[in-house]
């Protein structure tokens, strides 16, 4: 699918081949269509369409844009790769002074979420305000609501979700190593951990 973006005055001007996060999905600039207006285009392949909400985009859809981090870029959030893990459904929206959004991610992602940990929703680096058995929630400040598309989310909407790469690395490494341990060693480790608790 070809996606053409009008950046609406965004100061960054990417060149062909540059990586840009479009609502959290890392895409490669395939073409600069209108240098005066600054329009640029991306191509999304089936793998991208399967893992993200890009297939729901229509003409006029609003997106979040971010250029790639460089060695000289100030890190204001957590490390985000733009490698969307899946889509999640907006389960509830609480507006007002304590603006919160609750999401229902796929169950396979839940081990990667920890209270006060990080998550990327539609390309926005956020802190987890709540982690339940089958949901996560974030609290949004006015600046985030003003500068991103998150304030327009409503119950039932889809979002792109990327779990924290550090959490994914730790969980997957532990899974691999624990799977290779004998039952006797594993029972010993778990028993030792319980005794020291």
C-alpha atoms as a PDB file:
ATOM      1  CA  UNK A   1       0.000   0.000   0.000  1.00  0.00           C
ATOM      2  CA  UNK A   2       1.276   3.475  -0.867  1.00  0.00           C
ATOM      3  CA  UNK A   3       0.778   6.035   1.918  1.00  0.00           C
ATOM      4  CA  UNK A   4       1.215   9.732   1.115  1.00  0.00           C
ATOM      5  CA  UNK A   5       1.710  12.085   4.057  1.00  0.00           C
ATOM      6  CA  UNK A   6       1.116  15.823   4.245  1.00  0.00           C
ATOM      7  CA  UNK A   7       3.260  16.820   7.270  1.00  0.00           C
ATOM      8  CA  UNK A   8       1.350  20.079   7.772  1.00  0.00           C
ATOM      9  CA  UNK A   9       4.350  22.293   8.359  1.00  0.00           C
ATOM     10  CA  UNK A  10       6.494  19.758  10.227  1.00  0.00           C
ATOM     11  CA  UNK A  11       9.991  21.259  10.257  1.00  0.00           C
ATOM     12  CA  UNK A  12      11.821  18.023   9.483  1.00  0.00           C
ATOM     13  CA  UNK A  13      12.351  17.354   5.772  1.00  0.00           C
ATOM     14  CA  UNK A  14      13.230  13.690   5.226  1.00  0.00           C
ATOM     15  CA  UNK A  15      15.089  12.516   2.129  1.00  0.00           C
ATOM     16  CA  UNK A  16      14.325   9.416   0.110  1.00  0.00           C
ATOM     17  CA  UNK A  17      15.493   6.362   2.083  1.00  0.00           C
ATOM     18  CA  UNK A  18      15.137   8.017   5.508  1.00  0.00           C
ATOM     19  CA  UNK A  19      13.213   6.265   8.269  1.00  0.00           C
ATOM     20  CA  UNK A  20      10.185   8.024   9.728  1.00  0.00           C
ATOM     21  CA  UNK A  21       7.842   6.702  12.416  1.00  0.00           C
ATOM     22  CA  UNK A  22       4.256   7.052  11.192  1.00  0.00           C
ATOM     23  CA  UNK A  23       1.962   6.523  14.166  1.00  0.00           C
ATOM     24  CA  UNK A  24       4.693   4.401  15.689  1.00  0.00           C
ATOM     25  CA  UNK A  25       5.473   2.320  12.610  1.00  0.00           C
ATOM     26  CA  UNK A  26       8.971   2.744  11.158  1.00  0.00           C
ATOM     27  CA  UNK A  27       8.605   3.343   7.419  1.00  0.00           C
ATOM     28  CA  UNK A  28      11.099   4.263   4.706  1.00  0.00           C
ATOM     29  CA  UNK A  29      10.542   7.367   2.604  1.00  0.00           C
ATOM     30  CA  UNK A  30       9.994   5.982  -0.900  1.00  0.00           C
ATOM     31  CA  UNK A  31       9.407   9.237  -2.736  1.00  0.00           C
ATOM     32  CA  UNK A  32       9.217  13.000  -2.255  1.00  0.00           C
ATOM     33  CA  UNK A  33       6.092  13.939  -4.160  1.00  0.00           C
ATOM     34  CA  UNK A  34       5.784  17.676  -3.735  1.00  0.00           C
ATOM     35  CA  UNK A  35       8.836  19.566  -2.538  1.00  0.00           C
ATOM     36  CA  UNK A  36       6.887  22.811  -2.150  1.00  0.00           C
ATOM     37  CA  UNK A  37       4.221  21.261   0.092  1.00  0.00           C
ATOM     38  CA  UNK A  38       6.641  18.768   1.620  1.00  0.00           C
ATOM     39  CA  UNK A  39       4.524  15.702   0.825  1.00  0.00           C
ATOM     40  CA  UNK A  40       6.303  12.357   0.968  1.00  0.00           C
ATOM     41  CA  UNK A  41       5.281   8.746   0.374  1.00  0.00           C
ATOM     42  CA  UNK A  42       5.865   5.351   1.979  1.00  0.00           C
ATOM     43  CA  UNK A  43       5.204   1.798   0.851  1.00  0.00           C
ATOM     44  CA  UNK A  44       3.725  -0.682   3.363  1.00  0.00           C
ATOM     45  CA  UNK A  45       4.166  -4.408   2.686  1.00  0.00           C
ATOM     46  CA  UNK A  46       1.856  -7.237   3.873  1.00  0.00           C
ATOM     47  CA  UNK A  47       3.915  -7.894   7.045  1.00  0.00           C
ATOM     48  CA  UNK A  48       3.475  -4.238   8.044  1.00  0.00           C
ATOM     49  CA  UNK A  49      -0.232  -4.330   7.245  1.00  0.00           C
ATOM     50  CA  UNK A  50      -0.716  -7.498   9.329  1.00  0.00           C
ATOM     51  CA  UNK A  51       0.989  -6.113  12.448  1.00  0.00           C
ATOM     52  CA  UNK A  52      -0.256  -2.500  12.409  1.00  0.00           C
ATOM     53  CA  UNK A  53      -3.345  -0.368  11.943  1.00  0.00           C
ATOM     54  CA  UNK A  54      -2.011   1.228   8.739  1.00  0.00           C
ATOM     55  CA  UNK A  55      -4.639  -0.620   6.731  1.00  0.00           C
ATOM     56  CA  UNK A  56      -7.329   1.424   8.495  1.00  0.00           C
ATOM     57  CA  UNK A  57      -5.924   4.745   7.246  1.00  0.00           C
ATOM     58  CA  UNK A  58      -8.126   6.791   4.954  1.00  0.00           C
ATOM     59  CA  UNK A  59      -7.573  10.108   3.193  1.00  0.00           C
ATOM     60  CA  UNK A  60      -7.578  12.711   5.959  1.00  0.00           C
ATOM     61  CA  UNK A  61      -6.508  10.359   8.762  1.00  0.00           C
ATOM     62  CA  UNK A  62      -4.321  12.112  11.341  1.00  0.00           C
ATOM     63  CA  UNK A  63      -0.964  10.510  12.180  1.00  0.00           C
ATOM     64  CA  UNK A  64       1.911  11.103  14.576  1.00  0.00           C
ATOM     65  CA  UNK A  65       5.305  11.703  12.926  1.00  0.00           C
ATOM     66  CA  UNK A  66       8.801  11.373  14.360  1.00  0.00           C
ATOM     67  CA  UNK A  67      12.214  11.213  12.744  1.00  0.00           C
ATOM     68  CA  UNK A  68      14.907   8.736  13.746  1.00  0.00           C
ATOM     69  CA  UNK A  69      17.147   9.272  16.742  1.00  0.00           C
ATOM     70  CA  UNK A  70      20.765  10.199  16.020  1.00  0.00           C
ATOM     71  CA  UNK A  71      23.831  10.227  18.264  1.00  0.00           C
ATOM     72  CA  UNK A  72      23.222  13.944  18.899  1.00  0.00           C
ATOM     73  CA  UNK A  73      19.491  13.634  19.653  1.00  0.00           C
ATOM     74  CA  UNK A  74      18.280  14.308  23.202  1.00  0.00           C
ATOM     75  CA  UNK A  75      16.520  11.221  24.547  1.00  0.00           C
ATOM     76  CA  UNK A  76      13.303  12.530  26.067  1.00  0.00           C
ATOM     77  CA  UNK A  77      11.559   9.159  26.389  1.00  0.00           C
ATOM     78  CA  UNK A  78      12.427   5.483  26.204  1.00  0.00           C
ATOM     79  CA  UNK A  79      14.049   3.667  23.280  1.00  0.00           C
ATOM     80  CA  UNK A  80      11.449   3.097  20.572  1.00  0.00           C
ATOM     81  CA  UNK A  81      12.327   1.127  17.459  1.00  0.00           C
ATOM     82  CA  UNK A  82       9.201   1.683  15.411  1.00  0.00           C
ATOM     83  CA  UNK A  83       8.801  -2.105  15.232  1.00  0.00           C
ATOM     84  CA  UNK A  84       5.125  -2.432  16.098  1.00  0.00           C
ATOM     85  CA  UNK A  85       4.375  -5.640  17.999  1.00  0.00           C
ATOM     86  CA  UNK A  86       0.625  -5.656  17.404  1.00  0.00           C
ATOM     87  CA  UNK A  87      -2.501  -3.570  17.530  1.00  0.00           C
ATOM     88  CA  UNK A  88      -4.446  -3.026  20.741  1.00  0.00           C
ATOM     89  CA  UNK A  89      -8.038  -1.975  21.262  1.00  0.00           C
ATOM     90  CA  UNK A  90      -9.027   1.071  23.290  1.00  0.00           C
ATOM     91  CA  UNK A  91     -11.095  -0.420  26.134  1.00  0.00           C
ATOM     92  CA  UNK A  92     -12.028   2.813  27.926  1.00  0.00           C
ATOM     93  CA  UNK A  93     -11.330   6.546  27.868  1.00  0.00           C
ATOM     94  CA  UNK A  94     -11.531   8.706  30.981  1.00  0.00           C
ATOM     95  CA  UNK A  95     -11.366  12.411  30.157  1.00  0.00           C
ATOM     96  CA  UNK A  96     -10.843  15.387  32.438  1.00  0.00           C
ATOM     97  CA  UNK A  97      -8.084  16.359  34.846  1.00  0.00           C
ATOM     98  CA  UNK A  98      -6.953  12.721  35.107  1.00  0.00           C
ATOM     99  CA  UNK A  99      -7.148  11.792  31.407  1.00  0.00           C
ATOM    100  CA  UNK A 100      -6.554   8.060  31.144  1.00  0.00           C
ATOM    101  CA  UNK A 101      -6.864   5.549  28.348  1.00  0.00           C
ATOM    102  CA  UNK A 102      -7.131   1.822  28.946  1.00  0.00           C
ATOM    103  CA  UNK A 103      -6.049  -0.636  26.267  1.00  0.00           C
ATOM    104  CA  UNK A 104      -6.570  -4.363  25.713  1.00  0.00           C
ATOM    105  CA  UNK A 105      -3.371  -5.673  24.095  1.00  0.00           C
ATOM    106  CA  UNK A 106      -2.944  -9.256  22.885  1.00  0.00           C
ATOM    107  CA  UNK A 107      -2.278 -11.612  25.813  1.00  0.00           C
ATOM    108  CA  UNK A 108       1.114 -12.528  24.368  1.00  0.00           C
ATOM    109  CA  UNK A 109       2.348  -8.987  25.073  1.00  0.00           C
ATOM    110  CA  UNK A 110       1.232  -8.776  28.711  1.00  0.00           C
ATOM    111  CA  UNK A 111       4.478 -10.214  30.202  1.00  0.00           C
ATOM    112  CA  UNK A 112       6.356  -7.194  28.802  1.00  0.00           C
ATOM    113  CA  UNK A 113       4.347  -4.602  30.746  1.00  0.00           C
ATOM    114  CA  UNK A 114       5.308  -3.579  34.279  1.00  0.00           C
ATOM    115  CA  UNK A 115       3.896  -0.801  36.498  1.00  0.00           C
ATOM    116  CA  UNK A 116       5.662   2.503  35.761  1.00  0.00           C
ATOM    117  CA  UNK A 117       7.380   0.839  32.818  1.00  0.00           C
ATOM    118  CA  UNK A 118       7.350   2.149  29.252  1.00  0.00           C
ATOM    119  CA  UNK A 119       5.119   1.540  26.269  1.00  0.00           C
ATOM    120  CA  UNK A 120       4.784   3.137  22.837  1.00  0.00           C
ATOM    121  CA  UNK A 121       1.226   3.854  21.667  1.00  0.00           C
ATOM    122  CA  UNK A 122       0.841   5.128  18.089  1.00  0.00           C
ATOM    123  CA  UNK A 123       4.441   6.347  18.237  1.00  0.00           C
ATOM    124  CA  UNK A 124       4.107   8.161  21.569  1.00  0.00           C
ATOM    125  CA  UNK A 125       6.473   7.152  24.387  1.00  0.00           C
ATOM    126  CA  UNK A 126       4.384   6.763  27.539  1.00  0.00           C
ATOM    127  CA  UNK A 127       4.653   5.557  31.129  1.00  0.00           C
ATOM    128  CA  UNK A 128       2.304   2.796  32.225  1.00  0.00           C
ATOM    129  CA  UNK A 129      -0.041   4.091  34.916  1.00  0.00           C
ATOM    130  CA  UNK A 130      -1.748   0.737  35.409  1.00  0.00           C
ATOM    131  CA  UNK A 131      -1.084  -2.888  34.478  1.00  0.00           C
ATOM    132  CA  UNK A 132      -3.836  -5.451  34.981  1.00  0.00           C
ATOM    133  CA  UNK A 133      -4.155  -9.131  34.073  1.00  0.00           C
ATOM    134  CA  UNK A 134      -5.366  -8.318  30.551  1.00  0.00           C
ATOM    135  CA  UNK A 135      -5.114  -4.538  30.198  1.00  0.00           C
ATOM    136  CA  UNK A 136      -2.797  -1.561  30.489  1.00  0.00           C
ATOM    137  CA  UNK A 137      -3.561   2.108  31.041  1.00  0.00           C
ATOM    138  CA  UNK A 138      -1.733   5.373  30.513  1.00  0.00           C
ATOM    139  CA  UNK A 139      -2.340   8.855  31.921  1.00  0.00           C
ATOM    140  CA  UNK A 140      -2.036  11.738  29.465  1.00  0.00           C
ATOM    141  CA  UNK A 141      -0.863  15.278  30.202  1.00  0.00           C
ATOM    142  CA  UNK A 142      -2.189  18.328  28.312  1.00  0.00           C
ATOM    143  CA  UNK A 143       1.018  18.617  26.228  1.00  0.00           C
ATOM    144  CA  UNK A 144       0.604  15.066  24.945  1.00  0.00           C
ATOM    145  CA  UNK A 145      -3.061  15.653  24.185  1.00  0.00           C
ATOM    146  CA  UNK A 146      -2.224  18.839  22.250  1.00  0.00           C
ATOM    147  CA  UNK A 147       0.672  17.435  20.177  1.00  0.00           C
ATOM    148  CA  UNK A 148      -0.504  13.900  19.333  1.00  0.00           C
ATOM    149  CA  UNK A 149      -3.551  12.046  18.050  1.00  0.00           C
ATOM    150  CA  UNK A 150      -4.162  10.290  21.394  1.00  0.00           C
ATOM    151  CA  UNK A 151      -6.746  12.825  22.564  1.00  0.00           C
ATOM    152  CA  UNK A 152      -9.042  11.761  19.719  1.00  0.00           C
ATOM    153  CA  UNK A 153      -9.069   8.080  20.728  1.00  0.00           C
ATOM    154  CA  UNK A 154     -12.397   6.557  21.659  1.00  0.00           C
ATOM    155  CA  UNK A 155     -13.503   3.156  22.920  1.00  0.00           C
ATOM    156  CA  UNK A 156     -13.117   0.512  20.227  1.00  0.00           C
ATOM    157  CA  UNK A 157     -10.360   2.322  18.289  1.00  0.00           C
ATOM    158  CA  UNK A 158      -7.229   0.444  17.250  1.00  0.00           C
ATOM    159  CA  UNK A 159      -3.732   1.633  18.141  1.00  0.00           C
ATOM    160  CA  UNK A 160      -0.246   0.486  17.230  1.00  0.00           C
ATOM    161  CA  UNK A 161       1.555  -0.818  20.289  1.00  0.00           C
ATOM    162  CA  UNK A 162       5.254  -1.456  20.835  1.00  0.00           C
ATOM    163  CA  UNK A 163       6.399  -2.980  24.106  1.00  0.00           C
ATOM    164  CA  UNK A 164       9.631  -1.736  25.670  1.00  0.00           C
ATOM    165  CA  UNK A 165      12.643  -3.396  23.992  1.00  0.00           C
ATOM    166  CA  UNK A 166      14.406  -3.784  27.357  1.00  0.00           C
ATOM    167  CA  UNK A 167      11.437  -5.671  28.830  1.00  0.00           C
ATOM    168  CA  UNK A 168      11.191  -7.875  25.748  1.00  0.00           C
ATOM    169  CA  UNK A 169      14.901  -8.686  25.908  1.00  0.00           C
ATOM    170  CA  UNK A 170      14.833  -9.591  29.621  1.00  0.00           C
ATOM    171  CA  UNK A 171      11.652 -11.685  29.400  1.00  0.00           C
ATOM    172  CA  UNK A 172      12.725 -13.578  26.279  1.00  0.00           C
ATOM    173  CA  UNK A 173      16.249 -14.211  27.611  1.00  0.00           C
ATOM    174  CA  UNK A 174      14.886 -15.583  30.884  1.00  0.00           C
ATOM    175  CA  UNK A 175      12.380 -17.764  29.031  1.00  0.00           C
ATOM    176  CA  UNK A 176      15.125 -19.286  26.894  1.00  0.00           C
ATOM    177  CA  UNK A 177      17.492 -19.950  29.807  1.00  0.00           C
ATOM    178  CA  UNK A 178      14.828 -21.265  32.163  1.00  0.00           C
ATOM    179  CA  UNK A 179      13.536 -23.606  29.448  1.00  0.00           C
ATOM    180  CA  UNK A 180      16.993 -25.226  29.265  1.00  0.00           C
ATOM    181  CA  UNK A 181      17.281 -25.867  33.003  1.00  0.00           C
ATOM    182  CA  UNK A 182      16.558 -29.283  34.438  1.00  0.00           C
ATOM    183  CA  UNK A 183      13.455 -29.543  36.671  1.00  0.00           C
ATOM    184  CA  UNK A 184      15.709 -30.170  39.702  1.00  0.00           C
ATOM    185  CA  UNK A 185      17.753 -26.997  39.167  1.00  0.00           C
ATOM    186  CA  UNK A 186      14.632 -24.964  38.454  1.00  0.00           C
ATOM    187  CA  UNK A 187      12.948 -26.196  41.652  1.00  0.00           C
ATOM    188  CA  UNK A 188      16.125 -25.336  43.558  1.00  0.00           C
ATOM    189  CA  UNK A 189      16.196 -21.808  42.136  1.00  0.00           C
ATOM    190  CA  UNK A 190      12.529 -21.206  42.831  1.00  0.00           C
ATOM    191  CA  UNK A 191      12.838 -22.657  46.326  1.00  0.00           C
ATOM    192  CA  UNK A 192      15.878 -20.461  47.049  1.00  0.00           C
ATOM    193  CA  UNK A 193      14.074 -17.366  45.782  1.00  0.00           C
ATOM    194  CA  UNK A 194      11.079 -18.185  47.965  1.00  0.00           C
ATOM    195  CA  UNK A 195      13.249 -18.721  51.047  1.00  0.00           C
ATOM    196  CA  UNK A 196      14.910 -15.344  50.635  1.00  0.00           C
ATOM    197  CA  UNK A 197      11.692 -13.426  50.080  1.00  0.00           C
END
